[in-house]
Amino acid sequence: MEFQLTDEQKQLREEVRRFADEEIRPVATEYDVAEEYPHEVMEKAADMGLLAPHVPVEYGGVGYSSLENAILTEELFAADPGIGLCVSSAGFGAEALMEFGTEAQKERVLPEVTAGDAVMGSAISEPQAGSDVTSVATRATKDDDEWVINGSKMWITNGTVADYFVVVCETDPEIDDRYSGYSQILVEGDRDGLTRDKITGKLGIRASDTAELRFDDVRVPEENLIGQRGMGFLQLMQFFDETRTAVAAQGVGIARGAAERALEYAEEREQFDRPISDFQAIKHKLAEMHTDTEAARWLTYRSAWAVDNEAGDLTALASMAKEFASRVAVDVADEAVQVHGGAGFVNDHDVERLYRDAKITQIYEGTTEIQKNIVARELLDEGM
């Protein structure tokens, strides 16, 4: 069993870490407080080839594997989860185009995203449809050679900044099968009838843009249908193993960032005429934080390997990694604030932001409870 990264993967890690330290960490608090999308950082990330790097080379990407994306994501989120999410989510929905889209759709959209000239968004969740994707009520009706879309989407990443959305719609309501009758449709952000309202006041990841979308007779041409009509739900399910592995990598990054900052602070902060790192209570915290982070990293890498090699136990591994790494992120960030004491309660120190940011990893791409259900289902071979 190989526990060593390749030289290329090590180089990737170092290059992204350098970028994160130089371009993200110095401005992270600024964008968090302002709840502002980091356009300037995104331009620099595009120059580094960090936007949608999983896209194949022929469409301007780098063709990174799931493991390489996990390495990249950890480095971004260790610096700042808010801006890290902006960078890593620039190609949200690109997987649908890569796997099911027409050549014309790929050539039109993907090169723009990888070049930094466009941002994508994946529009799935609705006010009444979160964990239960089959409750999606946004409707797309065929009218001659167009789709007419009506409904609303909630908690959409890149909602006000995206140029393209992959929208999950009900297209065949007469079908009784719970998992059929839904389709994915490409919607340009400037279509008439599309309203986008930014959501503010979030607990964390404030630099990342989140919005509610409303579709009022939004018309798109029939060629914007992605893949086969009525297969949208089943298409979507194919990517959750990959995206949940990516969220696990986010959790690892947050945990590592918090653990490293706690270690640094413990060595500098003095009480009773000595660094607080001399005290056993703090030593134990630091040991547990770093141990848990390492465990989460290797479970995440195992899941990423399973994605890349289409392993049979992939679904269980992805949910295990997502649930465990997100829990570690929350716990380690909590302890990092504790190590900082009162100083960790204000945004003079990064751990305050990491503490707030960590929680979302237990919510999006399937809640903790959903992940446990999936793992149990796979263990008991219960099917969907």
Protein backbone atom coordinates (compact mmCIF):
# COMPACT_ATOMS: atom_id res chain seq x y z
CA MET A 1 0.00 0.00 0.00
CA GLU A 2 1.46 3.34 -1.07
CA PHE A 3 1.28 6.28 1.35
CA GLN A 4 3.49 8.61 -0.64
CA LEU A 5 2.37 11.35 -3.00
CA THR A 6 4.05 11.55 -6.37
CA ASP A 7 6.56 14.32 -7.04
CA GLU A 8 3.96 16.05 -9.23
CA GLN A 9 1.36 15.91 -6.46
CA LYS A 10 3.85 17.28 -3.95
CA GLN A 11 4.66 20.11 -6.34
CA LEU A 12 0.95 20.83 -6.78
CA ARG A 13 0.52 21.00 -3.00
CA GLU A 14 3.43 23.40 -2.61
CA GLU A 15 2.33 25.68 -5.45
CA VAL A 16 -1.24 25.93 -4.18
CA ARG A 17 -0.04 26.46 -0.60
CA ARG A 18 2.18 29.30 -1.78
CA PHE A 19 -0.70 30.86 -3.69
CA ALA A 20 -3.01 30.52 -0.69
CA ASP A 21 -0.48 32.03 1.70
CA GLU A 22 0.35 34.95 -0.57
CA GLU A 23 -2.99 35.75 -2.20
CA ILE A 24 -5.74 34.44 0.10
CA ARG A 25 -4.68 34.63 3.75
CA PRO A 26 -3.76 38.36 3.71
CA VAL A 27 -7.24 39.39 2.48
CA ALA A 28 -9.43 36.67 4.02
CA THR A 29 -10.77 38.72 6.93
CA GLU A 30 -11.50 41.66 4.64
CA TYR A 31 -13.72 39.65 2.31
CA ASP A 32 -15.34 37.80 5.21
CA VAL A 33 -16.38 41.01 6.96
CA ALA A 34 -17.60 42.63 3.74
CA GLU A 35 -19.36 39.42 2.58
CA GLU A 36 -17.86 40.25 -0.80
CA TYR A 37 -16.95 37.95 -3.69
CA PRO A 38 -13.14 38.08 -4.27
CA HIS A 39 -13.01 38.94 -7.96
CA GLU A 40 -9.34 39.96 -7.86
CA VAL A 41 -8.29 36.72 -6.19
CA MET A 42 -10.32 34.78 -8.73
CA GLU A 43 -8.42 36.41 -11.59
CA LYS A 44 -5.14 35.33 -10.02
CA ALA A 45 -6.51 31.83 -9.43
CA ALA A 46 -7.42 31.62 -13.13
CA ASP A 47 -3.85 32.54 -14.05
CA MET A 48 -2.70 29.67 -11.82
CA GLY A 49 -5.04 27.21 -13.53
CA LEU A 50 -6.99 26.63 -10.32
CA LEU A 51 -10.50 27.15 -11.70
CA ALA A 52 -12.26 23.89 -12.59
CA PRO A 53 -8.92 22.06 -12.91
CA HIS A 54 -10.77 18.73 -13.19
CA VAL A 55 -12.01 19.75 -16.65
CA PRO A 56 -10.13 17.91 -19.43
CA VAL A 57 -7.21 19.62 -21.14
CA GLU A 58 -9.06 19.94 -24.45
CA TYR A 59 -11.50 22.36 -22.77
CA GLY A 60 -8.84 24.41 -21.01
CA GLY A 61 -8.60 22.47 -17.75
CA VAL A 62 -5.78 20.43 -16.28
CA GLY A 63 -7.61 17.13 -15.97
CA TYR A 64 -6.82 16.65 -12.29
CA SER A 65 -7.86 13.44 -10.59
CA SER A 66 -10.11 13.38 -7.53
CA LEU A 67 -7.02 12.90 -5.34
CA GLU A 68 -5.28 15.89 -6.87
CA ASN A 69 -8.42 17.95 -6.41
CA ALA A 70 -8.50 16.87 -2.75
CA ILE A 71 -4.91 18.05 -2.31
CA LEU A 72 -5.73 21.38 -3.95
CA THR A 73 -8.92 21.85 -1.92
CA GLU A 74 -7.21 21.16 1.39
CA GLU A 75 -4.64 23.86 0.72
CA LEU A 76 -7.25 26.45 -0.25
CA PHE A 77 -9.46 25.75 2.76
CA ALA A 78 -6.56 25.69 5.19
CA ALA A 79 -5.94 29.30 4.16
CA ASP A 80 -9.58 30.45 4.13
CA PRO A 81 -12.74 28.42 3.51
CA GLY A 82 -14.74 31.35 2.13
CA ILE A 83 -12.34 32.29 -0.65
CA GLY A 84 -11.35 28.65 -0.98
CA LEU A 85 -14.94 27.79 -1.84
CA CYS A 86 -15.07 30.57 -4.42
CA VAL A 87 -12.07 29.08 -6.21
CA SER A 88 -13.11 25.45 -5.91
CA SER A 89 -16.75 26.12 -6.89
CA ALA A 90 -16.10 28.12 -10.05
CA GLY A 91 -16.96 25.04 -12.07
CA PHE A 92 -19.98 23.82 -10.10
CA GLY A 93 -22.08 21.85 -12.54
CA ALA A 94 -19.24 21.26 -14.98
CA GLU A 95 -19.37 17.55 -14.17
CA ALA A 96 -22.84 17.32 -15.71
CA LEU A 97 -21.62 18.88 -18.94
CA MET A 98 -18.47 16.75 -19.01
CA GLU A 99 -20.39 13.50 -18.56
CA PHE A 100 -23.71 14.14 -20.29
CA GLY A 101 -23.44 17.38 -22.25
CA THR A 102 -23.22 17.72 -26.01
CA GLU A 103 -19.95 18.67 -27.62
CA ALA A 104 -21.43 22.08 -28.44
CA GLN A 105 -22.33 22.66 -24.78
CA LYS A 106 -18.85 21.67 -23.63
CA GLU A 107 -17.07 23.85 -26.18
CA ARG A 108 -19.27 26.85 -25.37
CA VAL A 109 -19.07 26.78 -21.58
CA LEU A 110 -16.07 24.89 -20.21
CA PRO A 111 -13.24 26.95 -21.80
CA GLU A 112 -14.81 30.13 -20.46
CA VAL A 113 -14.88 28.72 -16.94
CA THR A 114 -11.32 27.39 -16.91
CA ALA A 115 -10.05 30.70 -18.30
CA GLY A 116 -11.79 32.66 -15.56
CA ASP A 117 -14.12 34.39 -18.00
CA ALA A 118 -17.25 32.71 -16.57
CA VAL A 119 -18.46 31.10 -13.36
CA MET A 120 -20.90 28.21 -13.05
CA GLY A 121 -23.52 27.31 -10.47
CA SER A 122 -25.42 24.14 -9.68
CA ALA A 123 -29.08 24.88 -8.85
CA ILE A 124 -30.60 21.95 -6.98
CA SER A 125 -31.90 22.93 -3.53
CA GLU A 126 -35.25 24.67 -3.09
CA PRO A 127 -37.06 26.14 -0.07
CA GLN A 128 -38.85 22.80 0.42
CA ALA A 129 -36.27 20.49 -1.20
CA GLY A 130 -32.93 20.00 0.53
CA SER A 131 -31.93 16.48 1.49
CA ASP A 132 -34.90 15.14 -0.49
CA VAL A 133 -33.96 16.02 -4.06
CA THR A 134 -37.09 14.27 -5.34
CA SER A 135 -39.14 17.10 -3.80
CA VAL A 136 -37.87 19.53 -6.44
CA ALA A 137 -40.83 21.57 -7.68
CA THR A 138 -39.18 23.86 -10.21
CA ARG A 139 -40.92 22.95 -13.46
CA ALA A 140 -39.63 23.06 -17.03
CA THR A 141 -42.33 22.79 -19.68
CA LYS A 142 -41.66 22.22 -23.36
CA ASP A 143 -43.04 24.92 -25.67
CA ASP A 144 -42.14 24.17 -29.30
CA ASP A 145 -38.34 24.38 -29.43
CA GLU A 146 -37.90 25.97 -25.98
CA TRP A 147 -38.02 25.03 -22.32
CA VAL A 148 -40.04 27.37 -20.10
CA ILE A 149 -38.87 27.26 -16.48
CA ASN A 150 -40.83 28.36 -13.40
CA GLY A 151 -39.92 27.96 -9.75
CA SER A 152 -37.25 28.91 -7.24
CA LYS A 153 -33.93 27.67 -5.95
CA MET A 154 -32.38 28.35 -2.54
CA TRP A 155 -28.84 28.40 -1.10
CA ILE A 156 -27.23 28.46 -4.54
CA THR A 157 -23.46 28.89 -4.48
CA ASN A 158 -22.30 31.57 -6.96
CA GLY A 159 -25.95 32.59 -7.29
CA THR A 160 -25.43 36.27 -8.17
CA VAL A 161 -22.08 35.92 -9.95
CA ALA A 162 -22.59 32.83 -12.12
CA ASP A 163 -22.83 33.09 -15.89
CA TYR A 164 -24.25 29.59 -16.28
CA PHE A 165 -26.42 27.39 -14.08
CA VAL A 166 -27.12 23.68 -14.30
CA VAL A 167 -30.72 23.64 -13.06
CA VAL A 168 -32.53 20.52 -11.87
CA CYS A 169 -36.17 20.72 -13.02
CA GLU A 170 -39.19 18.50 -13.10
CA THR A 171 -39.90 17.91 -16.78
CA ASP A 172 -42.17 14.85 -16.67
CA PRO A 173 -44.51 15.14 -13.64
CA GLU A 174 -46.81 12.42 -14.94
CA ILE A 175 -44.16 9.73 -14.33
CA ASP A 176 -44.88 7.80 -11.12
CA ASP A 177 -41.31 6.61 -10.55
CA ARG A 178 -39.94 8.71 -7.72
CA TYR A 179 -36.49 8.95 -9.29
CA SER A 180 -37.53 9.73 -12.86
CA GLY A 181 -39.11 12.75 -14.49
CA TYR A 182 -36.35 15.23 -13.58
CA SER A 183 -33.91 16.79 -16.01
CA GLN A 184 -30.86 19.02 -15.88
CA ILE A 185 -31.03 22.13 -18.04
CA LEU A 186 -28.33 24.69 -18.76
CA VAL A 187 -29.55 28.23 -18.04
CA GLU A 188 -27.54 31.33 -18.84
CA GLY A 189 -27.41 33.88 -16.04
CA ASP A 190 -28.69 36.75 -18.17
CA ARG A 191 -31.94 35.10 -19.28
CA ASP A 192 -35.10 37.21 -19.00
CA GLY A 193 -37.25 36.21 -16.04
CA LEU A 194 -34.33 35.03 -13.87
CA THR A 195 -34.07 36.97 -10.61
CA ARG A 196 -31.13 36.53 -8.24
CA ASP A 197 -31.13 37.76 -4.65
CA LYS A 198 -27.95 37.55 -2.61
CA ILE A 199 -28.26 35.89 0.81
CA THR A 200 -26.34 37.74 3.52
CA GLY A 201 -25.87 37.25 7.23
CA LYS A 202 -24.44 33.76 6.87
CA LEU A 203 -22.67 32.16 9.82
CA GLY A 204 -19.60 31.38 7.71
CA ILE A 205 -18.04 31.17 4.22
CA ARG A 206 -19.10 34.78 3.80
CA ALA A 207 -16.83 35.54 0.86
CA SER A 208 -18.61 32.85 -1.12
CA ASP A 209 -21.64 34.14 -2.97
CA THR A 210 -24.96 32.50 -2.02
CA ALA A 211 -28.33 33.44 -3.47
CA GLU A 212 -31.96 32.60 -4.03
CA LEU A 213 -32.91 32.18 -7.68
CA ARG A 214 -36.41 32.75 -9.03
CA PHE A 215 -37.50 31.58 -12.47
CA ASP A 216 -40.50 33.35 -13.97
CA ASP A 217 -41.18 31.97 -17.46
CA VAL A 218 -37.45 31.73 -18.16
CA ARG A 219 -37.04 30.49 -21.72
CA VAL A 220 -34.03 28.55 -22.99
CA PRO A 221 -33.60 26.64 -26.26
CA GLU A 222 -34.29 22.90 -26.24
CA GLU A 223 -30.61 22.20 -26.96
CA ASN A 224 -29.85 23.40 -23.41
CA LEU A 225 -31.15 20.08 -22.08
CA ILE A 226 -28.21 18.18 -20.58
CA GLY A 227 -28.27 14.51 -21.43
CA GLN A 228 -31.45 12.48 -21.62
CA ARG A 229 -34.79 13.96 -20.62
CA GLY A 230 -36.15 12.57 -17.36
CA MET A 231 -32.80 11.22 -16.17
CA GLY A 232 -31.64 14.28 -14.23
CA PHE A 233 -31.94 12.76 -10.77
CA LEU A 234 -30.01 9.64 -11.73
CA GLN A 235 -27.40 11.78 -13.47
CA LEU A 236 -27.01 13.87 -10.34
CA MET A 237 -26.54 10.87 -8.08
CA GLN A 238 -23.48 9.82 -10.07
CA PHE A 239 -21.54 12.84 -8.89
CA PHE A 240 -22.32 12.86 -5.18
CA ASP A 241 -19.50 10.43 -4.39
CA GLU A 242 -17.07 12.83 -6.03
CA THR A 243 -18.52 16.02 -4.56
CA ARG A 244 -18.79 14.55 -1.06
CA THR A 245 -15.15 13.54 -1.25
CA ALA A 246 -14.40 17.15 -2.17
CA VAL A 247 -16.29 18.39 0.92
CA ALA A 248 -14.29 15.92 3.01
CA ALA A 249 -11.16 17.59 1.65
CA GLN A 250 -12.63 20.95 2.66
CA GLY A 251 -13.05 19.62 6.18
CA VAL A 252 -9.47 18.40 6.26
CA GLY A 253 -8.27 21.81 5.13
CA ILE A 254 -10.26 23.64 7.80
CA ALA A 255 -9.05 21.23 10.49
CA ARG A 256 -5.44 21.56 9.40
CA GLY A 257 -5.65 25.33 9.23
CA ALA A 258 -7.13 25.49 12.72
CA ALA A 259 -4.68 22.97 14.18
CA GLU A 260 -1.65 24.77 12.72
CA ARG A 261 -2.81 28.14 14.01
CA ALA A 262 -3.48 26.67 17.47
CA LEU A 263 0.01 25.17 17.59
CA GLU A 264 1.61 28.45 16.55
CA TYR A 265 -0.39 30.43 19.12
CA ALA A 266 0.33 27.93 21.92
CA GLU A 267 4.05 28.29 21.35
CA GLU A 268 3.86 32.10 21.44
CA ARG A 269 1.29 32.75 24.19
CA GLU A 270 2.76 32.83 27.70
CA GLN A 271 1.04 32.35 31.05
CA PHE A 272 2.72 31.83 34.39
CA ASP A 273 6.04 32.77 32.79
CA ARG A 274 6.04 30.01 30.17
CA PRO A 275 4.38 29.19 26.85
CA ILE A 276 0.99 27.58 27.24
CA SER A 277 2.29 24.74 25.05
CA ASP A 278 4.20 23.60 28.15
CA PHE A 279 0.96 22.68 29.90
CA GLN A 280 -0.26 19.12 29.53
CA ALA A 281 -3.86 20.17 28.93
CA ILE A 282 -2.79 22.15 25.86
CA LYS A 283 -0.38 19.46 24.70
CA HIS A 284 -3.19 16.93 24.72
CA LYS A 285 -5.45 19.23 22.73
CA LEU A 286 -2.78 19.80 20.11
CA ALA A 287 -2.01 16.08 19.87
CA GLU A 288 -5.65 15.16 19.39
CA MET A 289 -6.28 17.93 16.87
CA HIS A 290 -3.38 16.90 14.66
CA THR A 291 -4.12 13.18 15.02
CA ASP A 292 -7.77 13.60 14.05
CA THR A 293 -6.80 15.79 11.09
CA GLU A 294 -4.35 13.17 9.84
CA ALA A 295 -6.97 10.43 10.17
CA ALA A 296 -9.50 12.52 8.26
CA ARG A 297 -6.96 13.22 5.53
CA TRP A 298 -6.23 9.57 4.86
CA LEU A 299 -9.88 8.57 4.86
CA THR A 300 -10.45 11.39 2.36
CA TYR A 301 -7.53 10.23 0.22
CA ARG A 302 -8.92 6.68 0.34
CA SER A 303 -12.26 7.99 -0.90
CA ALA A 304 -10.57 10.04 -3.62
CA TRP A 305 -8.65 6.96 -4.74
CA ALA A 306 -11.93 5.06 -4.88
CA VAL A 307 -13.44 7.78 -7.10
CA ASP A 308 -10.47 7.66 -9.46
CA ASN A 309 -10.49 3.86 -9.62
CA GLU A 310 -14.29 3.36 -9.55
CA ALA A 311 -14.03 1.10 -6.54
CA GLY A 312 -17.07 -0.89 -5.51
CA ASP A 313 -17.17 0.52 -1.98
CA LEU A 314 -17.01 4.12 -3.23
CA THR A 315 -20.40 5.34 -2.04
CA ALA A 316 -19.86 4.18 1.54
CA LEU A 317 -16.31 5.57 1.57
CA ALA A 318 -17.39 8.97 0.26
CA SER A 319 -20.08 9.31 2.91
CA MET A 320 -17.72 8.07 5.63
CA ALA A 321 -15.10 10.59 4.58
CA LYS A 322 -17.58 13.44 4.32
CA GLU A 323 -19.18 12.72 7.70
CA PHE A 324 -15.91 12.12 9.54
CA ALA A 325 -13.87 14.97 8.03
CA SER A 326 -16.65 17.50 8.57
CA ARG A 327 -17.00 16.39 12.19
CA VAL A 328 -13.24 16.69 12.67
CA ALA A 329 -13.31 20.18 11.12
CA VAL A 330 -15.95 21.35 13.59
CA ASP A 331 -14.24 19.72 16.59
CA VAL A 332 -10.72 20.91 15.75
CA ALA A 333 -11.86 24.46 15.01
CA ASP A 334 -13.70 24.46 18.34
CA GLU A 335 -10.56 23.37 20.18
CA ALA A 336 -8.46 25.92 18.28
CA VAL A 337 -10.67 28.70 19.62
CA GLN A 338 -10.33 27.21 23.09
CA VAL A 339 -6.53 27.22 22.84
CA HIS A 340 -6.67 30.89 21.86
CA GLY A 341 -8.94 31.72 24.78
CA GLY A 342 -10.53 35.16 24.60
CA ALA A 343 -8.29 36.09 21.66
CA GLY A 344 -9.99 33.39 19.61
CA PHE A 345 -13.40 34.96 20.09
CA VAL A 346 -12.66 37.95 17.84
CA ASN A 347 -11.55 38.14 14.24
CA ASP A 348 -8.07 39.35 15.10
CA HIS A 349 -7.23 35.65 14.79
CA ASP A 350 -8.20 33.34 11.94
CA VAL A 351 -9.57 30.62 14.21
CA GLU A 352 -12.71 32.68 14.84
CA ARG A 353 -13.49 32.56 11.13
CA LEU A 354 -12.51 28.91 10.74
CA TYR A 355 -14.81 28.03 13.64
CA ARG A 356 -17.76 29.65 11.86
CA ASP A 357 -16.81 28.27 8.47
CA ALA A 358 -16.45 24.68 9.62
CA LYS A 359 -20.14 24.10 10.29
CA ILE A 360 -21.26 24.28 6.68
CA THR A 361 -19.27 21.14 5.84
CA GLN A 362 -21.78 19.18 7.96
CA ILE A 363 -24.69 20.61 5.97
CA TYR A 364 -24.08 21.01 2.25
CA GLU A 365 -23.68 18.14 -0.21
CA GLY A 366 -25.74 16.02 2.18
CA THR A 367 -26.10 16.55 5.91
CA THR A 368 -24.30 14.47 8.52
CA GLU A 369 -27.51 12.56 9.13
CA ILE A 370 -27.87 11.72 5.43
CA GLN A 371 -24.27 10.47 5.31
CA LYS A 372 -24.90 8.12 8.22
CA ASN A 373 -28.02 6.84 6.51
CA ILE A 374 -26.04 6.15 3.35
CA VAL A 375 -23.26 4.32 5.17
CA ALA A 376 -25.81 2.18 7.01
CA ARG A 377 -27.69 1.50 3.77
CA GLU A 378 -24.50 0.36 2.07
CA LEU A 379 -23.57 -1.85 5.01
CA LEU A 380 -27.03 -3.43 5.09
CA ASP A 381 -27.32 -3.56 1.29
CA GLU A 382 -30.73 -1.92 1.40
CA GLY A 383 -30.66 -0.11 -1.95
CA MET A 384 -32.03 3.40 -2.51
